[in-house]
Amino acid sequence: MVRTARIILRDNWAWRGRIWHLAFTELQKEVRGSVLSWVWLLVTPAVYIGGFWFALSIGMRTASPVAGVPYIVWISVGIVPWFFISSLLTGGANVYRRYSYLVNRLRFPLSVISSFFGLAQLIVFAASMLLVLALTLAMGVKLTLPAVQVPVIALLMYAFWVTWSVFTAPLAAISKDIYNLIKALSILVFWFSGTIFDVSHITIRWIRWLLAFNPITFFVTAFREAICRGVWLWDDPRLLWPFAVVFALLILLALKAQDRLSAEVPDVL
């Protein structure tokens, strides 16, 4: 597995320029032929945020301020990372089928496919998060020094979910049932991730313990801690160590999957 790790790191470094080029090409394909062009990449998160805000604040009148910030700010900080995560959760698992023409090309590293797909989603995330930060300031919420963690958390999120793609893509390429299972569970994962509720309000200890090992809960909470509460990540080891355990396990699984299955993927596709 050490050899596989070296190959993946070497390939991604050697192809770093091509990764950026392919990421922008992917985004251009999504907006090609559209009058509003790149604006459409930000519309879906904005619609979701507006929908949740209207339903909970205006309709049900249950959306009171959280952590001293308006609910629309709090929900925005959680929804925007979710859209990045969801695109890698399902789309990352399907990248080998989606880009089968690259899989079957000689000398094209498979891990690079996950990297440029993830980078394309990260660019959209960065633009969306800038709008959220602007909304935060417009609502009168002052950003404190821990907000500088946002780019670091974003890069960590990118690394984790690209690793997820490296792990699941060969499995989903060989068995479409794997992809269908991930796609079906993604809806359940959303509602049990803390994206639209504050996990600190859960009083049942074993449920909070399980959520601590949910990487989606970690990233959503990490962004909210940095932006809404002004807290440094290392101030809460209970947030960090479960994520570190899950990430380490995922790296091992990804290396194992690439080592055993990457040679079979071109033949299957």
Foldseek 3Di string as FASTA:
>chain_A
DVVLVVVLVVQCVVCVVVLQVVLVVVLQVVQPPPPVGPVVLQVVLVVVLVVVCCCDCVNVVPQCDDLPAGSSLLLLLLSLVLVLLVCLLQVLLAQCVVPVVQLQDPPRDPLSSLSSNSVSSLVSSVVSVVVSVVVRVVRVHDADPLLVCVVVLSVVSSVQSSLVSLQNNLVCLQPVVSSVVSVVCSVVCVVLQCSNHNLVPDPPVVSSLVNLLVVSNLSSVSSCCNGSNVDHPVVDVSNPPSPVVNSVVSNVSSSVCCVPRSVVNSVSD
